[in-house]
Amino acid sequence: MTSAFAWSPDTLWLLLQKAWWFLVVLGVLVAFHELGHFLAARWVGVKV
């Protein structure tokens, strides 16, 4: 019996690439979000 979906090396590589770029973009978004906290704290006079 064969499965409807097989993990070929190309499919696995594509999945790894998409996962890598997802993590990169998520990391950049989190960094900008945290930068906003930092700048807001400085703006209201919190010592950071």
PDB file of N, CA and C in Angstrom:
ATOM      1  N   MET A   1       0.846  -1.171   0.000  1.00  0.00           N
ATOM      2  CA  MET A   1       0.000   0.000   0.000  1.00  0.00           C
ATOM      3  C   MET A   1       0.896   1.241   0.000  1.00  0.00           C
ATOM      4  N   THR A   2       0.576   2.183  -0.832  1.00  0.00           N
ATOM      5  CA  THR A   2       1.351   3.424  -0.900  1.00  0.00           C
ATOM      6  C   THR A   2       0.547   4.554  -0.273  1.00  0.00           C
ATOM      7  N   SER A   3       1.271   5.507   0.265  1.00  0.00           N
ATOM      8  CA  SER A   3       0.576   6.642   0.872  1.00  0.00           C
ATOM      9  C   SER A   3       0.291   7.694  -0.192  1.00  0.00           C
ATOM     10  N   ALA A   4      -0.650   8.553   0.102  1.00  0.00           N
ATOM     11  CA  ALA A   4      -1.001   9.621  -0.832  1.00  0.00           C
ATOM     12  C   ALA A   4       0.059  10.714  -0.831  1.00  0.00           C
ATOM     13  N   PHE A   5       0.840  10.778   0.232  1.00  0.00           N
ATOM     14  CA  PHE A   5       1.862  11.811   0.345  1.00  0.00           C
ATOM     15  C   PHE A   5       3.166  11.166   0.767  1.00  0.00           C
ATOM     16  N   ALA A   6       4.201  11.419   0.007  1.00  0.00           N
ATOM     17  CA  ALA A   6       5.515  10.863   0.333  1.00  0.00           C
ATOM     18  C   ALA A   6       6.485  12.004   0.605  1.00  0.00           C
ATOM     19  N   TRP A   7       7.346  11.818   1.582  1.00  0.00           N
ATOM     20  CA  TRP A   7       8.347  12.824   1.931  1.00  0.00           C
ATOM     21  C   TRP A   7       9.551  12.667   1.018  1.00  0.00           C
ATOM     22  N   SER A   8       9.577  13.399  -0.059  1.00  0.00           N
ATOM     23  CA  SER A   8      10.746  13.387  -0.929  1.00  0.00           C
ATOM     24  C   SER A   8      11.770  14.360  -0.363  1.00  0.00           C
ATOM     25  N   PRO A   9      13.039  14.222  -0.734  1.00  0.00           N
ATOM     26  CA  PRO A   9      14.045  15.182  -0.258  1.00  0.00           C
ATOM     27  C   PRO A   9      13.700  16.623  -0.632  1.00  0.00           C
ATOM     28  N   ASP A  10      13.126  16.827  -1.809  1.00  0.00           N
ATOM     29  CA  ASP A  10      12.744  18.181  -2.222  1.00  0.00           C
ATOM     30  C   ASP A  10      11.646  18.745  -1.322  1.00  0.00           C
ATOM     31  N   THR A  11      10.683  17.917  -0.981  1.00  0.00           N
ATOM     32  CA  THR A  11       9.589  18.358  -0.118  1.00  0.00           C
ATOM     33  C   THR A  11      10.111  18.707   1.266  1.00  0.00           C
ATOM     34  N   LEU A  12      10.985  17.882   1.803  1.00  0.00           N
ATOM     35  CA  LEU A  12      11.553  18.142   3.121  1.00  0.00           C
ATOM     36  C   LEU A  12      12.382  19.421   3.105  1.00  0.00           C
ATOM     37  N   TRP A  13      13.177  19.624   2.060  1.00  0.00           N
ATOM     38  CA  TRP A  13      13.995  20.836   1.952  1.00  0.00           C
ATOM     39  C   TRP A  13      13.111  22.083   1.879  1.00  0.00           C
ATOM     40  N   LEU A  14      12.030  22.021   1.112  1.00  0.00           N
ATOM     41  CA  LEU A  14      11.107  23.146   1.002  1.00  0.00           C
ATOM     42  C   LEU A  14      10.463  23.453   2.358  1.00  0.00           C
ATOM     43  N   LEU A  15      10.080  22.423   3.078  1.00  0.00           N
ATOM     44  CA  LEU A  15       9.497  22.613   4.403  1.00  0.00           C
ATOM     45  C   LEU A  15      10.500  23.272   5.348  1.00  0.00           C
ATOM     46  N   LEU A  16      11.748  22.836   5.317  1.00  0.00           N
ATOM     47  CA  LEU A  16      12.777  23.428   6.170  1.00  0.00           C
ATOM     48  C   LEU A  16      13.031  24.884   5.806  1.00  0.00           C
ATOM     49  N   GLN A  17      13.025  25.204   4.522  1.00  0.00           N
ATOM     50  CA  GLN A  17      13.210  26.590   4.092  1.00  0.00           C
ATOM     51  C   GLN A  17      12.067  27.472   4.595  1.00  0.00           C
ATOM     52  N   LYS A  18      10.848  26.992   4.451  1.00  0.00           N
ATOM     53  CA  LYS A  18       9.698  27.776   4.907  1.00  0.00           C
ATOM     54  C   LYS A  18       9.731  27.962   6.419  1.00  0.00           C
ATOM     55  N   ALA A  19      10.101  26.928   7.149  1.00  0.00           N
ATOM     56  CA  ALA A  19      10.194  27.032   8.605  1.00  0.00           C
ATOM     57  C   ALA A  19      11.281  28.028   8.994  1.00  0.00           C
ATOM     58  N   TRP A  20      12.421  27.991   8.294  1.00  0.00           N
ATOM     59  CA  TRP A  20      13.521  28.920   8.577  1.00  0.00           C
ATOM     60  C   TRP A  20      13.076  30.360   8.376  1.00  0.00           C
ATOM     61  N   TRP A  21      12.443  30.649   7.237  1.00  0.00           N
ATOM     62  CA  TRP A  21      12.020  32.022   6.962  1.00  0.00           C
ATOM     63  C   TRP A  21      10.907  32.474   7.902  1.00  0.00           C
ATOM     64  N   PHE A  22      10.041  31.564   8.301  1.00  0.00           N
ATOM     65  CA  PHE A  22       9.015  31.900   9.282  1.00  0.00           C
ATOM     66  C   PHE A  22       9.661  32.345  10.592  1.00  0.00           C
ATOM     67  N   LEU A  23      10.675  31.617  11.049  1.00  0.00           N
ATOM     68  CA  LEU A  23      11.353  31.969  12.296  1.00  0.00           C
ATOM     69  C   LEU A  23      12.118  33.278  12.172  1.00  0.00           C
ATOM     70  N   VAL A  24      12.724  33.523  11.018  1.00  0.00           N
ATOM     71  CA  VAL A  24      13.446  34.783  10.807  1.00  0.00           C
ATOM     72  C   VAL A  24      12.471  35.958  10.874  1.00  0.00           C
ATOM     73  N   VAL A  25      11.373  35.866  10.149  1.00  0.00           N
ATOM     74  CA  VAL A  25      10.387  36.953  10.131  1.00  0.00           C
ATOM     75  C   VAL A  25       9.778  37.140  11.520  1.00  0.00           C
ATOM     76  N   LEU A  26       9.453  36.052  12.188  1.00  0.00           N
ATOM     77  CA  LEU A  26       8.905  36.150  13.539  1.00  0.00           C
ATOM     78  C   LEU A  26       9.906  36.819  14.483  1.00  0.00           C
ATOM     79  N   GLY A  27      11.179  36.469  14.362  1.00  0.00           N
ATOM     80  CA  GLY A  27      12.205  37.085  15.196  1.00  0.00           C
ATOM     81  C   GLY A  27      12.321  38.580  14.966  1.00  0.00           C
ATOM     82  N   VAL A  28      12.251  38.999  13.708  1.00  0.00           N
ATOM     83  CA  VAL A  28      12.317  40.432  13.391  1.00  0.00           C
ATOM     84  C   VAL A  28      11.103  41.157  13.968  1.00  0.00           C
ATOM     85  N   LEU A  29       9.936  40.568  13.830  1.00  0.00           N
ATOM     86  CA  LEU A  29       8.728  41.190  14.386  1.00  0.00           C
ATOM     87  C   LEU A  29       8.812  41.319  15.904  1.00  0.00           C
ATOM     88  N   VAL A  30       9.285  40.292  16.573  1.00  0.00           N
ATOM     89  CA  VAL A  30       9.418  40.341  18.032  1.00  0.00           C
ATOM     90  C   VAL A  30      10.438  41.397  18.430  1.00  0.00           C
ATOM     91  N   ALA A  31      11.550  41.497  17.681  1.00  0.00           N
ATOM     92  CA  ALA A  31      12.576  42.498  17.991  1.00  0.00           C
ATOM     93  C   ALA A  31      12.002  43.911  17.885  1.00  0.00           C
ATOM     94  N   PHE A  32      11.247  44.192  16.838  1.00  0.00           N
ATOM     95  CA  PHE A  32      10.633  45.515  16.700  1.00  0.00           C
ATOM     96  C   PHE A  32       9.597  45.768  17.799  1.00  0.00           C
ATOM     97  N   HIS A  33       8.860  44.751  18.153  1.00  0.00           N
ATOM     98  CA  HIS A  33       7.874  44.882  19.224  1.00  0.00           C
ATOM     99  C   HIS A  33       8.570  45.257  20.536  1.00  0.00           C
ATOM    100  N   GLU A  34       9.633  44.551  20.853  1.00  0.00           N
ATOM    101  CA  GLU A  34      10.367  44.832  22.092  1.00  0.00           C
ATOM    102  C   GLU A  34      11.052  46.191  22.036  1.00  0.00           C
ATOM    103  N   LEU A  35      11.498  46.602  20.861  1.00  0.00           N
ATOM    104  CA  LEU A  35      12.071  47.939  20.710  1.00  0.00           C
ATOM    105  C   LEU A  35      11.027  48.998  21.057  1.00  0.00           C
ATOM    106  N   GLY A  36       9.787  48.753  20.697  1.00  0.00           N
ATOM    107  CA  GLY A  36       8.710  49.667  21.056  1.00  0.00           C
ATOM    108  C   GLY A  36       8.555  49.795  22.562  1.00  0.00           C
ATOM    109  N   HIS A  37       8.647  48.684  23.284  1.00  0.00           N
ATOM    110  CA  HIS A  37       8.599  48.734  24.746  1.00  0.00           C
ATOM    111  C   HIS A  37       9.763  49.553  25.295  1.00  0.00           C
ATOM    112  N   PHE A  38      10.943  49.327  24.761  1.00  0.00           N
ATOM    113  CA  PHE A  38      12.143  50.045  25.204  1.00  0.00           C
ATOM    114  C   PHE A  38      12.000  51.548  24.988  1.00  0.00           C
ATOM    115  N   LEU A  39      11.573  51.938  23.794  1.00  0.00           N
ATOM    116  CA  LEU A  39      11.434  53.362  23.491  1.00  0.00           C
ATOM    117  C   LEU A  39      10.327  54.012  24.320  1.00  0.00           C
ATOM    118  N   ALA A  40       9.232  53.297  24.535  1.00  0.00           N
ATOM    119  CA  ALA A  40       8.150  53.838  25.359  1.00  0.00           C
ATOM    120  C   ALA A  40       8.616  54.025  26.800  1.00  0.00           C
ATOM    121  N   ALA A  41       9.381  53.088  27.313  1.00  0.00           N
ATOM    122  CA  ALA A  41       9.890  53.208  28.683  1.00  0.00           C
ATOM    123  C   ALA A  41      10.820  54.404  28.806  1.00  0.00           C
ATOM    124  N   ARG A  42      11.693  54.590  27.834  1.00  0.00           N
ATOM    125  CA  ARG A  42      12.588  55.753  27.869  1.00  0.00           C
ATOM    126  C   ARG A  42      11.794  57.052  27.767  1.00  0.00           C
ATOM    127  N   TRP A  43      10.752  57.050  26.953  1.00  0.00           N
ATOM    128  CA  TRP A  43       9.947  58.253  26.733  1.00  0.00           C
ATOM    129  C   TRP A  43       9.268  58.724  28.022  1.00  0.00           C
ATOM    130  N   VAL A  44       8.819  57.765  28.853  1.00  0.00           N
ATOM    131  CA  VAL A  44       8.145  58.140  30.099  1.00  0.00           C
ATOM    132  C   VAL A  44       9.115  58.240  31.278  1.00  0.00           C
ATOM    133  N   GLY A  45      10.396  58.069  31.027  1.00  0.00           N
ATOM    134  CA  GLY A  45      11.398  58.299  32.053  1.00  0.00           C
ATOM    135  C   GLY A  45      11.811  57.098  32.877  1.00  0.00           C
ATOM    136  N   VAL A  46      11.436  55.901  32.462  1.00  0.00           N
ATOM    137  CA  VAL A  46      11.872  54.703  33.180  1.00  0.00           C
ATOM    138  C   VAL A  46      13.342  54.473  32.870  1.00  0.00           C
ATOM    139  N   LYS A  47      14.148  54.242  33.916  1.00  0.00           N
ATOM    140  CA  LYS A  47      15.571  54.008  33.702  1.00  0.00           C
ATOM    141  C   LYS A  47      15.754  52.587  33.168  1.00  0.00           C
ATOM    142  N   VAL A  48      16.338  52.491  32.004  1.00  0.00           N
ATOM    143  CA  VAL A  48      16.550  51.177  31.384  1.00  0.00           C
ATOM    144  C   VAL A  48      18.023  50.920  31.163  1.00  0.00           C
TER     145      VAL A  48
END
